[in-house]
Amino acid sequence: MSTRNKALLSRIKIGAKAGLHRGISGFFWLLKILVPISFATALLVHFELIYKLDFLLSPAMNLLMLPASAVIPLVIGLFTGIYGAVAAMAVLPLTTSQMALIAIFLLISHNIVLESIVQGQSGINPFFAAFFRIAVSFIVTFICARIMGDELLQPIVASAQTIAHDGQTFFLMLKVWIWDIFKLCVQIFFIIMPLMMVLELAKEFNTIYYITKAISPVLFMLGLNKKTGILWLTAATFGLAYGSAVLVEETKTNSFAKADITPLHLSIGINHAMIEDPALFLPLGISPVWLWIPRLVAAIAATYLFHTLNFLRRLNAKRAGHKKFCNN
């Protein structure tokens, strides 16, 4: 084997080993959050406590032009994820447009507890992250409801069954939860490990620059700094939960300015998992336009609003400083 090949193999081993180490570290960090939150949510669903939280959202249903029954998938989606919400929507008497509004809301604000913790560990206050996403969900859904107008009165296409507790025993619920969380952890592991290894190899061979350069036009359109390109690409492709290890590890090992990391989190908080999450709603007959466009527009608007407010704040501080200098 030539010296050049030996050097190349050595660099590959170094990058793969670093990626393996960071992947395992990030995976176990995620387990410490994912497992207890998932189990707590399973208990809430099993004992039907989660459905008693609907009083928090019922007053807002009229504003969003949704029936009271829409609270069920909204609450499930907020505290668990999109899978449970889709299952609930499939058996509720809802029109296609009403399901579209629910989808718009939940694509922005789903699995809010876990994903807010992930954002909190990677550069932004978790309480602000949760409040911001829920607020944007209401605003975007409210606007879309007004745009739809008469479409909300179209015939009901979903089955008119109601959701009822299936009466399963606690131990059966526990057995199902253990199997589900095991499958989820395996899926996350096989996403995190190759991704971390590829990322470390890209760093070892200095290809990160070319990756960020390739997506820089997209980042510019979104109002984001190209330095955050890998973080945005991870969240946009894998989401906040599946991509959590990468997001946390990257922000720990790289110093990002607050002016760069904040708009990133505003953007990915609204618009992440751009392929899988919207596709889950397609079997319900919802138009792809409502599944992809509203939250993309909202993400762009949020980052540019942040930059505008930041500019005005700096301008005001500069004027105040100039006035103080003149008075002296």
C-alpha atoms as a PDB file:
ATOM      1  CA  MET A   1       0.000   0.000   0.000  1.00  0.00           C
ATOM      2  CA  SER A   2       1.395   3.384  -0.982  1.00  0.00           C
ATOM      3  CA  THR A   3       2.092   6.149   1.522  1.00  0.00           C
ATOM      4  CA  ARG A   4      -0.697   8.236   0.005  1.00  0.00           C
ATOM      5  CA  ASN A   5      -3.250   5.441   0.434  1.00  0.00           C
ATOM      6  CA  LYS A   6      -2.094   4.838   3.998  1.00  0.00           C
ATOM      7  CA  ALA A   7      -2.543   8.527   4.795  1.00  0.00           C
ATOM      8  CA  LEU A   8      -6.007   8.498   3.203  1.00  0.00           C
ATOM      9  CA  LEU A   9      -7.031   5.396   5.161  1.00  0.00           C
ATOM     10  CA  SER A  10      -5.705   6.949   8.360  1.00  0.00           C
ATOM     11  CA  ARG A  11      -7.808  10.096   7.844  1.00  0.00           C
ATOM     12  CA  ILE A  12     -10.900   7.991   7.134  1.00  0.00           C
ATOM     13  CA  LYS A  13     -10.318   6.037  10.364  1.00  0.00           C
ATOM     14  CA  ILE A  14      -9.854   9.253  12.335  1.00  0.00           C
ATOM     15  CA  GLY A  15     -13.057  10.771  10.926  1.00  0.00           C
ATOM     16  CA  ALA A  16     -15.083   7.573  11.375  1.00  0.00           C
ATOM     17  CA  LYS A  17     -13.843   7.104  14.952  1.00  0.00           C
ATOM     18  CA  ALA A  18     -14.681  10.719  15.853  1.00  0.00           C
ATOM     19  CA  GLY A  19     -18.133  10.375  14.284  1.00  0.00           C
ATOM     20  CA  LEU A  20     -18.752   7.089  16.115  1.00  0.00           C
ATOM     21  CA  HIS A  21     -17.809   8.672  19.445  1.00  0.00           C
ATOM     22  CA  ARG A  22     -19.967  11.753  18.923  1.00  0.00           C
ATOM     23  CA  GLY A  23     -22.854   9.658  17.612  1.00  0.00           C
ATOM     24  CA  ILE A  24     -22.890   7.382  20.670  1.00  0.00           C
ATOM     25  CA  SER A  25     -22.576  10.365  23.002  1.00  0.00           C
ATOM     26  CA  GLY A  26     -25.456  12.183  21.303  1.00  0.00           C
ATOM     27  CA  PHE A  27     -27.605   9.036  21.174  1.00  0.00           C
ATOM     28  CA  PHE A  28     -27.359   8.384  24.919  1.00  0.00           C
ATOM     29  CA  TRP A  29     -28.034  12.060  25.613  1.00  0.00           C
ATOM     30  CA  LEU A  30     -31.218  11.778  23.570  1.00  0.00           C
ATOM     31  CA  LEU A  31     -32.314   8.583  25.362  1.00  0.00           C
ATOM     32  CA  LYS A  32     -32.197  10.386  28.716  1.00  0.00           C
ATOM     33  CA  ILE A  33     -34.814  12.796  27.374  1.00  0.00           C
ATOM     34  CA  LEU A  34     -36.789  10.660  24.948  1.00  0.00           C
ATOM     35  CA  VAL A  35     -37.590   7.633  27.140  1.00  0.00           C
ATOM     36  CA  PRO A  36     -39.018   9.395  30.234  1.00  0.00           C
ATOM     37  CA  ILE A  37     -41.003  11.917  28.179  1.00  0.00           C
ATOM     38  CA  SER A  38     -42.378   9.160  25.963  1.00  0.00           C
ATOM     39  CA  PHE A  39     -43.387   7.054  28.973  1.00  0.00           C
ATOM     40  CA  ALA A  40     -45.046  10.006  30.710  1.00  0.00           C
ATOM     41  CA  THR A  41     -47.026  10.736  27.538  1.00  0.00           C
ATOM     42  CA  ALA A  42     -48.053   7.080  27.239  1.00  0.00           C
ATOM     43  CA  LEU A  43     -49.413   7.218  30.794  1.00  0.00           C
ATOM     44  CA  LEU A  44     -51.357  10.403  30.012  1.00  0.00           C
ATOM     45  CA  VAL A  45     -52.914   8.755  26.963  1.00  0.00           C
ATOM     46  CA  HIS A  46     -53.637   5.431  28.710  1.00  0.00           C
ATOM     47  CA  PHE A  47     -55.433   7.065  31.643  1.00  0.00           C
ATOM     48  CA  GLU A  48     -57.142   9.514  29.231  1.00  0.00           C
ATOM     49  CA  LEU A  49     -55.728  12.498  31.111  1.00  0.00           C
ATOM     50  CA  ILE A  50     -54.417  14.037  27.897  1.00  0.00           C
ATOM     51  CA  TYR A  51     -57.949  14.409  26.545  1.00  0.00           C
ATOM     52  CA  LYS A  52     -58.939  16.467  29.599  1.00  0.00           C
ATOM     53  CA  LEU A  53     -56.493  19.140  28.479  1.00  0.00           C
ATOM     54  CA  ASP A  54     -58.820  20.104  25.636  1.00  0.00           C
ATOM     55  CA  PHE A  55     -60.205  23.024  27.692  1.00  0.00           C
ATOM     56  CA  LEU A  56     -56.933  24.823  26.988  1.00  0.00           C
ATOM     57  CA  LEU A  57     -57.626  24.864  23.234  1.00  0.00           C
ATOM     58  CA  SER A  58     -61.426  24.784  22.985  1.00  0.00           C
ATOM     59  CA  PRO A  59     -61.872  28.606  23.242  1.00  0.00           C
ATOM     60  CA  ALA A  60     -59.488  29.030  20.307  1.00  0.00           C
ATOM     61  CA  MET A  61     -61.353  26.647  17.995  1.00  0.00           C
ATOM     62  CA  ASN A  62     -63.836  29.281  16.848  1.00  0.00           C
ATOM     63  CA  LEU A  63     -60.998  31.639  15.949  1.00  0.00           C
ATOM     64  CA  LEU A  64     -59.401  28.917  13.846  1.00  0.00           C
ATOM     65  CA  MET A  65     -62.775  28.034  12.271  1.00  0.00           C
ATOM     66  CA  LEU A  66     -62.496  24.462  13.555  1.00  0.00           C
ATOM     67  CA  PRO A  67     -65.084  22.251  15.318  1.00  0.00           C
ATOM     68  CA  ALA A  68     -64.643  21.351  18.991  1.00  0.00           C
ATOM     69  CA  SER A  69     -63.651  17.786  18.025  1.00  0.00           C
ATOM     70  CA  ALA A  70     -60.464  19.178  16.423  1.00  0.00           C
ATOM     71  CA  VAL A  71     -59.097  19.634  19.931  1.00  0.00           C
ATOM     72  CA  ILE A  72     -58.414  15.886  20.174  1.00  0.00           C
ATOM     73  CA  PRO A  73     -55.817  15.588  17.370  1.00  0.00           C
ATOM     74  CA  LEU A  74     -54.389  18.997  18.311  1.00  0.00           C
ATOM     75  CA  VAL A  75     -53.725  17.956  21.911  1.00  0.00           C
ATOM     76  CA  ILE A  76     -52.394  14.545  20.864  1.00  0.00           C
ATOM     77  CA  GLY A  77     -50.107  16.121  18.264  1.00  0.00           C
ATOM     78  CA  LEU A  78     -48.877  18.843  20.603  1.00  0.00           C
ATOM     79  CA  PHE A  79     -47.781  16.419  23.300  1.00  0.00           C
ATOM     80  CA  THR A  80     -46.876  13.339  21.267  1.00  0.00           C
ATOM     81  CA  GLY A  81     -46.347  13.733  17.551  1.00  0.00           C
ATOM     82  CA  ILE A  82     -47.860  13.684  14.109  1.00  0.00           C
ATOM     83  CA  TYR A  83     -48.451   9.917  13.940  1.00  0.00           C
ATOM     84  CA  GLY A  84     -51.016   9.924  16.737  1.00  0.00           C
ATOM     85  CA  ALA A  85     -52.664  13.065  15.401  1.00  0.00           C
ATOM     86  CA  VAL A  86     -53.089  11.538  11.925  1.00  0.00           C
ATOM     87  CA  ALA A  87     -54.630   8.410  13.477  1.00  0.00           C
ATOM     88  CA  ALA A  88     -57.093  10.587  15.394  1.00  0.00           C
ATOM     89  CA  MET A  89     -57.971  12.727  12.367  1.00  0.00           C
ATOM     90  CA  ALA A  90     -58.719   9.652  10.267  1.00  0.00           C
ATOM     91  CA  VAL A  91     -61.694   8.694  12.460  1.00  0.00           C
ATOM     92  CA  LEU A  92     -63.138  12.136  13.191  1.00  0.00           C
ATOM     93  CA  PRO A  93     -65.950  13.804  11.188  1.00  0.00           C
ATOM     94  CA  LEU A  94     -63.817  16.516   9.560  1.00  0.00           C
ATOM     95  CA  THR A  95     -63.777  18.122   6.128  1.00  0.00           C
ATOM     96  CA  THR A  96     -60.601  18.062   4.058  1.00  0.00           C
ATOM     97  CA  SER A  97     -60.073  21.786   4.683  1.00  0.00           C
ATOM     98  CA  GLN A  98     -60.536  21.375   8.429  1.00  0.00           C
ATOM     99  CA  MET A  99     -57.942  18.593   8.383  1.00  0.00           C
ATOM    100  CA  ALA A 100     -55.652  20.907   6.400  1.00  0.00           C
ATOM    101  CA  LEU A 101     -55.887  23.546   9.159  1.00  0.00           C
ATOM    102  CA  ILE A 102     -55.104  20.961  11.833  1.00  0.00           C
ATOM    103  CA  ALA A 103     -52.152  19.763   9.750  1.00  0.00           C
ATOM    104  CA  ILE A 104     -50.816  23.320   9.351  1.00  0.00           C
ATOM    105  CA  PHE A 105     -51.004  23.861  13.109  1.00  0.00           C
ATOM    106  CA  LEU A 106     -49.333  20.565  14.003  1.00  0.00           C
ATOM    107  CA  LEU A 107     -46.601  20.727  11.364  1.00  0.00           C
ATOM    108  CA  ILE A 108     -45.341  23.764  13.279  1.00  0.00           C
ATOM    109  CA  SER A 109     -46.233  22.722  16.846  1.00  0.00           C
ATOM    110  CA  HIS A 110     -45.955  18.973  17.375  1.00  0.00           C
ATOM    111  CA  ASN A 111     -44.070  17.026  20.041  1.00  0.00           C
ATOM    112  CA  ILE A 112     -43.573  20.416  21.665  1.00  0.00           C
ATOM    113  CA  VAL A 113     -42.002  19.263  24.951  1.00  0.00           C
ATOM    114  CA  LEU A 114     -39.225  17.073  23.542  1.00  0.00           C
ATOM    115  CA  GLU A 115     -38.399  19.340  20.610  1.00  0.00           C
ATOM    116  CA  SER A 116     -38.307  22.464  22.795  1.00  0.00           C
ATOM    117  CA  ILE A 117     -35.813  20.724  25.089  1.00  0.00           C
ATOM    118  CA  VAL A 118     -33.694  19.867  22.044  1.00  0.00           C
ATOM    119  CA  GLN A 119     -33.768  23.504  20.932  1.00  0.00           C
ATOM    120  CA  GLY A 120     -32.921  24.564  24.485  1.00  0.00           C
ATOM    121  CA  GLN A 121     -29.842  22.338  24.457  1.00  0.00           C
ATOM    122  CA  SER A 122     -28.704  23.752  21.127  1.00  0.00           C
ATOM    123  CA  GLY A 123     -28.803  27.496  21.593  1.00  0.00           C
ATOM    124  CA  ILE A 124     -32.200  29.005  22.463  1.00  0.00           C
ATOM    125  CA  ASN A 125     -34.404  29.286  25.559  1.00  0.00           C
ATOM    126  CA  PRO A 126     -36.717  26.204  25.519  1.00  0.00           C
ATOM    127  CA  PHE A 127     -39.701  28.085  26.979  1.00  0.00           C
ATOM    128  CA  PHE A 128     -39.382  30.800  24.373  1.00  0.00           C
ATOM    129  CA  ALA A 129     -39.014  28.152  21.651  1.00  0.00           C
ATOM    130  CA  ALA A 130     -42.254  26.445  22.733  1.00  0.00           C
ATOM    131  CA  PHE A 131     -44.205  29.691  23.115  1.00  0.00           C
ATOM    132  CA  PHE A 132     -42.958  30.995  19.773  1.00  0.00           C
ATOM    133  CA  ARG A 133     -43.932  27.858  17.853  1.00  0.00           C
ATOM    134  CA  ILE A 134     -47.416  27.700  19.393  1.00  0.00           C
ATOM    135  CA  ALA A 135     -47.982  31.414  18.735  1.00  0.00           C
ATOM    136  CA  VAL A 136     -46.887  31.064  15.105  1.00  0.00           C
ATOM    137  CA  SER A 137     -49.143  28.000  14.746  1.00  0.00           C
ATOM    138  CA  PHE A 138     -52.174  30.035  15.807  1.00  0.00           C
ATOM    139  CA  ILE A 139     -51.284  32.980  13.570  1.00  0.00           C
ATOM    140  CA  VAL A 140     -50.558  30.905  10.451  1.00  0.00           C
ATOM    141  CA  THR A 141     -53.625  28.673  10.941  1.00  0.00           C
ATOM    142  CA  PHE A 142     -55.823  31.741  11.538  1.00  0.00           C
ATOM    143  CA  ILE A 143     -54.623  33.342   8.287  1.00  0.00           C
ATOM    144  CA  CYS A 144     -55.018  30.114   6.296  1.00  0.00           C
ATOM    145  CA  ALA A 145     -58.553  29.653   7.649  1.00  0.00           C
ATOM    146  CA  ARG A 146     -59.489  33.118   6.334  1.00  0.00           C
ATOM    147  CA  ILE A 147     -57.925  32.319   2.957  1.00  0.00           C
ATOM    148  CA  MET A 148     -59.866  29.049   2.704  1.00  0.00           C
ATOM    149  CA  GLY A 149     -63.185  30.672   3.580  1.00  0.00           C
ATOM    150  CA  ASP A 150     -66.009  28.674   2.006  1.00  0.00           C
ATOM    151  CA  GLU A 151     -63.743  25.675   1.471  1.00  0.00           C
ATOM    152  CA  LEU A 152     -64.244  24.865   5.167  1.00  0.00           C
ATOM    153  CA  LEU A 153     -67.904  24.089   4.392  1.00  0.00           C
ATOM    154  CA  GLN A 154     -67.157  21.296   1.902  1.00  0.00           C
ATOM    155  CA  PRO A 155     -68.660  17.814   2.497  1.00  0.00           C
ATOM    156  CA  ILE A 156     -67.192  15.620   5.210  1.00  0.00           C
ATOM    157  CA  VAL A 157     -64.892  12.932   3.802  1.00  0.00           C
ATOM    158  CA  ALA A 158     -63.586  11.334   6.985  1.00  0.00           C
ATOM    159  CA  SER A 159     -65.318   8.522   8.815  1.00  0.00           C
ATOM    160  CA  ALA A 160     -67.805   9.746  11.424  1.00  0.00           C
ATOM    161  CA  GLN A 161     -66.539   7.388  14.125  1.00  0.00           C
ATOM    162  CA  THR A 162     -65.506   8.764  17.474  1.00  0.00           C
ATOM    163  CA  ILE A 163     -62.294   8.098  19.318  1.00  0.00           C
ATOM    164  CA  ALA A 164     -62.759   5.959  22.384  1.00  0.00           C
ATOM    165  CA  HIS A 165     -60.396   4.405  24.873  1.00  0.00           C
ATOM    166  CA  ASP A 166     -59.765   0.814  23.805  1.00  0.00           C
ATOM    167  CA  GLY A 167     -59.829  -0.558  27.340  1.00  0.00           C
ATOM    168  CA  GLN A 168     -56.408  -2.180  27.144  1.00  0.00           C
ATOM    169  CA  THR A 169     -54.765  -3.150  30.409  1.00  0.00           C
ATOM    170  CA  PHE A 170     -51.862  -1.230  31.859  1.00  0.00           C
ATOM    171  CA  PHE A 171     -49.463  -4.105  31.193  1.00  0.00           C
ATOM    172  CA  LEU A 172     -50.582  -4.370  27.580  1.00  0.00           C
ATOM    173  CA  MET A 173     -50.038  -0.625  27.201  1.00  0.00           C
ATOM    174  CA  LEU A 174     -46.605  -1.015  28.785  1.00  0.00           C
ATOM    175  CA  LYS A 175     -45.730  -3.866  26.418  1.00  0.00           C
ATOM    176  CA  VAL A 176     -46.812  -1.828  23.367  1.00  0.00           C
ATOM    177  CA  TRP A 177     -44.900   1.235  24.622  1.00  0.00           C
ATOM    178  CA  ILE A 178     -41.689  -0.738  25.202  1.00  0.00           C
ATOM    179  CA  TRP A 179     -41.838  -2.166  21.684  1.00  0.00           C
ATOM    180  CA  ASP A 180     -42.658   1.223  20.118  1.00  0.00           C
ATOM    181  CA  ILE A 181     -39.916   3.078  21.991  1.00  0.00           C
ATOM    182  CA  PHE A 182     -37.426   0.323  21.117  1.00  0.00           C
ATOM    183  CA  LYS A 183     -38.254   0.641  17.392  1.00  0.00           C
ATOM    184  CA  LEU A 184     -38.012   4.434  17.625  1.00  0.00           C
ATOM    185  CA  CYS A 185     -34.616   4.280  19.343  1.00  0.00           C
ATOM    186  CA  VAL A 186     -33.298   1.847  16.728  1.00  0.00           C
ATOM    187  CA  GLN A 187     -34.500   4.150  13.927  1.00  0.00           C
ATOM    188  CA  ILE A 188     -32.858   7.160  15.568  1.00  0.00           C
ATOM    189  CA  PHE A 189     -29.613   5.235  16.163  1.00  0.00           C
ATOM    190  CA  PHE A 190     -29.310   4.265  12.495  1.00  0.00           C
ATOM    191  CA  ILE A 191     -29.950   7.868  11.469  1.00  0.00           C
ATOM    192  CA  ILE A 192     -27.580   9.465  13.977  1.00  0.00           C
ATOM    193  CA  MET A 193     -24.564   7.175  13.541  1.00  0.00           C
ATOM    194  CA  PRO A 194     -24.098   7.430   9.737  1.00  0.00           C
ATOM    195  CA  LEU A 195     -24.897  11.149   9.855  1.00  0.00           C
ATOM    196  CA  MET A 196     -22.290  11.828  12.552  1.00  0.00           C
ATOM    197  CA  MET A 197     -19.677   9.764  10.727  1.00  0.00           C
ATOM    198  CA  VAL A 198     -20.348  11.521   7.424  1.00  0.00           C
ATOM    199  CA  LEU A 199     -20.189  14.876   9.192  1.00  0.00           C
ATOM    200  CA  GLU A 200     -16.851  14.098  10.844  1.00  0.00           C
ATOM    201  CA  LEU A 201     -15.432  12.731   7.561  1.00  0.00           C
ATOM    202  CA  ALA A 202     -16.572  15.919   5.832  1.00  0.00           C
ATOM    203  CA  LYS A 203     -14.711  17.921   8.474  1.00  0.00           C
ATOM    204  CA  GLU A 204     -11.618  15.728   8.192  1.00  0.00           C
ATOM    205  CA  PHE A 205     -11.485  16.214   4.409  1.00  0.00           C
ATOM    206  CA  ASN A 206     -12.551  19.889   4.571  1.00  0.00           C
ATOM    207  CA  THR A 207     -15.707  19.361   2.474  1.00  0.00           C
ATOM    208  CA  ILE A 208     -18.022  21.209   4.907  1.00  0.00           C
ATOM    209  CA  TYR A 209     -17.164  24.412   3.069  1.00  0.00           C
ATOM    210  CA  TYR A 210     -18.416  23.020  -0.239  1.00  0.00           C
ATOM    211  CA  ILE A 211     -21.624  21.663   1.334  1.00  0.00           C
ATOM    212  CA  THR A 212     -22.500  24.990   2.923  1.00  0.00           C
ATOM    213  CA  LYS A 213     -21.557  26.809  -0.271  1.00  0.00           C
ATOM    214  CA  ALA A 214     -23.926  24.592  -2.289  1.00  0.00           C
ATOM    215  CA  ILE A 215     -26.893  25.394  -0.053  1.00  0.00           C
ATOM    216  CA  SER A 216     -25.956  29.051   0.589  1.00  0.00           C
ATOM    217  CA  PRO A 217     -28.568  30.403  -1.909  1.00  0.00           C
ATOM    218  CA  VAL A 218     -31.289  28.569   0.042  1.00  0.00           C
ATOM    219  CA  LEU A 219     -29.933  29.887   3.336  1.00  0.00           C
ATOM    220  CA  PHE A 220     -29.847  33.420   1.931  1.00  0.00           C
ATOM    221  CA  MET A 221     -33.491  33.138   0.862  1.00  0.00           C
ATOM    222  CA  LEU A 222     -34.389  31.915   4.359  1.00  0.00           C
ATOM    223  CA  GLY A 223     -32.507  34.783   5.994  1.00  0.00           C
ATOM    224  CA  LEU A 224     -29.913  32.504   7.641  1.00  0.00           C
ATOM    225  CA  ASN A 225     -26.140  32.703   7.929  1.00  0.00           C
ATOM    226  CA  LYS A 226     -24.277  30.102   5.855  1.00  0.00           C
ATOM    227  CA  LYS A 227     -22.303  29.122   8.978  1.00  0.00           C
ATOM    228  CA  THR A 228     -25.469  27.431  10.241  1.00  0.00           C
ATOM    229  CA  GLY A 229     -25.908  25.497   6.986  1.00  0.00           C
ATOM    230  CA  ILE A 230     -25.215  22.018   8.403  1.00  0.00           C
ATOM    231  CA  LEU A 231     -27.562  22.612  11.342  1.00  0.00           C
ATOM    232  CA  TRP A 232     -30.350  23.811   9.049  1.00  0.00           C
ATOM    233  CA  LEU A 233     -29.832  20.929   6.623  1.00  0.00           C
ATOM    234  CA  THR A 234     -29.983  18.405   9.476  1.00  0.00           C
ATOM    235  CA  ALA A 235     -33.210  19.847  10.916  1.00  0.00           C
ATOM    236  CA  ALA A 236     -34.817  20.298   7.499  1.00  0.00           C
ATOM    237  CA  THR A 237     -34.067  16.706   6.509  1.00  0.00           C
ATOM    238  CA  PHE A 238     -34.367  14.727   9.752  1.00  0.00           C
ATOM    239  CA  GLY A 239     -36.330  17.036  12.062  1.00  0.00           C
ATOM    240  CA  LEU A 240     -35.590  18.245  15.585  1.00  0.00           C
ATOM    241  CA  ALA A 241     -35.998  14.883  17.335  1.00  0.00           C
ATOM    242  CA  TYR A 242     -34.151  12.626  14.878  1.00  0.00           C
ATOM    243  CA  GLY A 243     -31.519  15.283  14.244  1.00  0.00           C
ATOM    244  CA  SER A 244     -31.208  16.300  17.894  1.00  0.00           C
ATOM    245  CA  ALA A 245     -27.835  14.645  18.497  1.00  0.00           C
ATOM    246  CA  VAL A 246     -26.276  16.484  15.557  1.00  0.00           C
ATOM    247  CA  LEU A 247     -27.827  19.813  16.546  1.00  0.00           C
ATOM    248  CA  VAL A 248     -26.660  19.562  20.156  1.00  0.00           C
ATOM    249  CA  GLU A 249     -23.191  18.215  19.397  1.00  0.00           C
ATOM    250  CA  GLU A 250     -22.517  20.797  16.682  1.00  0.00           C
ATOM    251  CA  THR A 251     -23.556  23.741  18.860  1.00  0.00           C
ATOM    252  CA  LYS A 252     -21.402  22.398  21.693  1.00  0.00           C
ATOM    253  CA  THR A 253     -18.276  22.065  19.569  1.00  0.00           C
ATOM    254  CA  ASN A 254     -18.732  25.196  17.458  1.00  0.00           C
ATOM    255  CA  SER A 255     -19.230  28.750  18.659  1.00  0.00           C
ATOM    256  CA  PHE A 256     -22.179  30.383  16.921  1.00  0.00           C
ATOM    257  CA  ALA A 257     -23.055  34.036  17.418  1.00  0.00           C
ATOM    258  CA  LYS A 258     -26.465  34.654  18.998  1.00  0.00           C
ATOM    259  CA  ALA A 259     -27.387  36.752  15.959  1.00  0.00           C
ATOM    260  CA  ASP A 260     -26.895  33.630  13.818  1.00  0.00           C
ATOM    261  CA  ILE A 261     -28.248  30.863  16.067  1.00  0.00           C
ATOM    262  CA  THR A 262     -31.485  32.645  17.075  1.00  0.00           C
ATOM    263  CA  PRO A 263     -32.905  33.097  13.546  1.00  0.00           C
ATOM    264  CA  LEU A 264     -31.849  29.515  12.785  1.00  0.00           C
ATOM    265  CA  HIS A 265     -33.963  28.222  15.661  1.00  0.00           C
ATOM    266  CA  LEU A 266     -36.879  30.452  14.731  1.00  0.00           C
ATOM    267  CA  SER A 267     -36.708  28.998  11.222  1.00  0.00           C
ATOM    268  CA  ILE A 268     -36.263  25.306  12.051  1.00  0.00           C
ATOM    269  CA  GLY A 269     -38.754  25.537  14.902  1.00  0.00           C
ATOM    270  CA  ILE A 270     -41.402  26.410  12.325  1.00  0.00           C
ATOM    271  CA  ASN A 271     -40.107  24.447   9.347  1.00  0.00           C
ATOM    272  CA  HIS A 272     -38.295  21.157   9.979  1.00  0.00           C
ATOM    273  CA  ALA A 273     -38.572  17.549   8.750  1.00  0.00           C
ATOM    274  CA  MET A 274     -39.688  18.996   5.426  1.00  0.00           C
ATOM    275  CA  ILE A 275     -40.109  15.631   3.699  1.00  0.00           C
ATOM    276  CA  GLU A 276     -41.492  13.104   6.183  1.00  0.00           C
ATOM    277  CA  ASP A 277     -43.849  15.178   8.346  1.00  0.00           C
ATOM    278  CA  PRO A 278     -45.988  16.745   5.578  1.00  0.00           C
ATOM    279  CA  ALA A 279     -46.092  13.432   3.691  1.00  0.00           C
ATOM    280  CA  LEU A 280     -47.827  11.772   6.660  1.00  0.00           C
ATOM    281  CA  PHE A 281     -50.915  13.915   6.014  1.00  0.00           C
ATOM    282  CA  LEU A 282     -51.163  13.169   2.276  1.00  0.00           C
ATOM    283  CA  PRO A 283     -53.252   9.974   2.734  1.00  0.00           C
ATOM    284  CA  LEU A 284     -55.982  12.149   4.288  1.00  0.00           C
ATOM    285  CA  GLY A 285     -56.449  13.905   0.937  1.00  0.00           C
ATOM    286  CA  ILE A 286     -54.948  17.243   2.014  1.00  0.00           C
ATOM    287  CA  SER A 287     -53.473  19.375  -0.776  1.00  0.00           C
ATOM    288  CA  PRO A 288     -49.642  19.513  -0.799  1.00  0.00           C
ATOM    289  CA  VAL A 289     -49.911  23.307  -1.106  1.00  0.00           C
ATOM    290  CA  TRP A 290     -51.243  23.578   2.463  1.00  0.00           C
ATOM    291  CA  LEU A 291     -48.721  21.056   3.776  1.00  0.00           C
ATOM    292  CA  TRP A 292     -45.550  22.697   2.452  1.00  0.00           C
ATOM    293  CA  ILE A 293     -46.133  26.374   1.612  1.00  0.00           C
ATOM    294  CA  PRO A 294     -47.598  28.024   4.786  1.00  0.00           C
ATOM    295  CA  ARG A 295     -44.861  27.026   7.209  1.00  0.00           C
ATOM    296  CA  LEU A 296     -42.103  27.724   4.667  1.00  0.00           C
ATOM    297  CA  VAL A 297     -43.476  31.259   4.210  1.00  0.00           C
ATOM    298  CA  ALA A 298     -43.850  31.616   7.987  1.00  0.00           C
ATOM    299  CA  ALA A 299     -40.236  30.511   8.564  1.00  0.00           C
ATOM    300  CA  ILE A 300     -38.932  33.080   6.071  1.00  0.00           C
ATOM    301  CA  ALA A 301     -41.136  35.822   7.561  1.00  0.00           C
ATOM    302  CA  ALA A 302     -39.941  35.004  11.093  1.00  0.00           C
ATOM    303  CA  THR A 303     -36.230  35.281  10.269  1.00  0.00           C
ATOM    304  CA  TYR A 304     -36.630  38.520   8.326  1.00  0.00           C
ATOM    305  CA  LEU A 305     -38.774  39.988  11.110  1.00  0.00           C
ATOM    306  CA  PHE A 306     -36.019  39.070  13.575  1.00  0.00           C
ATOM    307  CA  HIS A 307     -33.391  40.786  11.417  1.00  0.00           C
ATOM    308  CA  THR A 308     -35.594  43.867  11.030  1.00  0.00           C
ATOM    309  CA  LEU A 309     -36.232  44.168  14.774  1.00  0.00           C
ATOM    310  CA  ASN A 310     -32.539  43.595  15.469  1.00  0.00           C
ATOM    311  CA  PHE A 311     -31.611  46.343  13.023  1.00  0.00           C
ATOM    312  CA  LEU A 312     -34.116  48.768  14.557  1.00  0.00           C
ATOM    313  CA  ARG A 313     -32.842  47.959  18.056  1.00  0.00           C
ATOM    314  CA  ARG A 314     -29.239  48.663  17.044  1.00  0.00           C
ATOM    315  CA  LEU A 315     -30.303  51.840  15.252  1.00  0.00           C
ATOM    316  CA  ASN A 316     -32.193  53.031  18.312  1.00  0.00           C
ATOM    317  CA  ALA A 317     -29.216  52.259  20.561  1.00  0.00           C
ATOM    318  CA  LYS A 318     -26.919  54.164  18.198  1.00  0.00           C
ATOM    319  CA  ARG A 319     -29.216  57.186  18.191  1.00  0.00           C
ATOM    320  CA  ALA A 320     -29.523  57.095  21.985  1.00  0.00           C
ATOM    321  CA  GLY A 321     -25.742  56.933  22.301  1.00  0.00           C
ATOM    322  CA  HIS A 322     -25.295  59.817  19.839  1.00  0.00           C
ATOM    323  CA  LYS A 323     -27.872  61.945  21.734  1.00  0.00           C
ATOM    324  CA  LYS A 324     -26.113  61.261  25.050  1.00  0.00           C
ATOM    325  CA  PHE A 325     -22.762  62.239  23.505  1.00  0.00           C
ATOM    326  CA  CYS A 326     -24.232  65.519  22.184  1.00  0.00           C
ATOM    327  CA  ASN A 327     -25.817  66.367  25.550  1.00  0.00           C
ATOM    328  CA  ASN A 328     -22.452  65.918  27.226  1.00  0.00           C
END
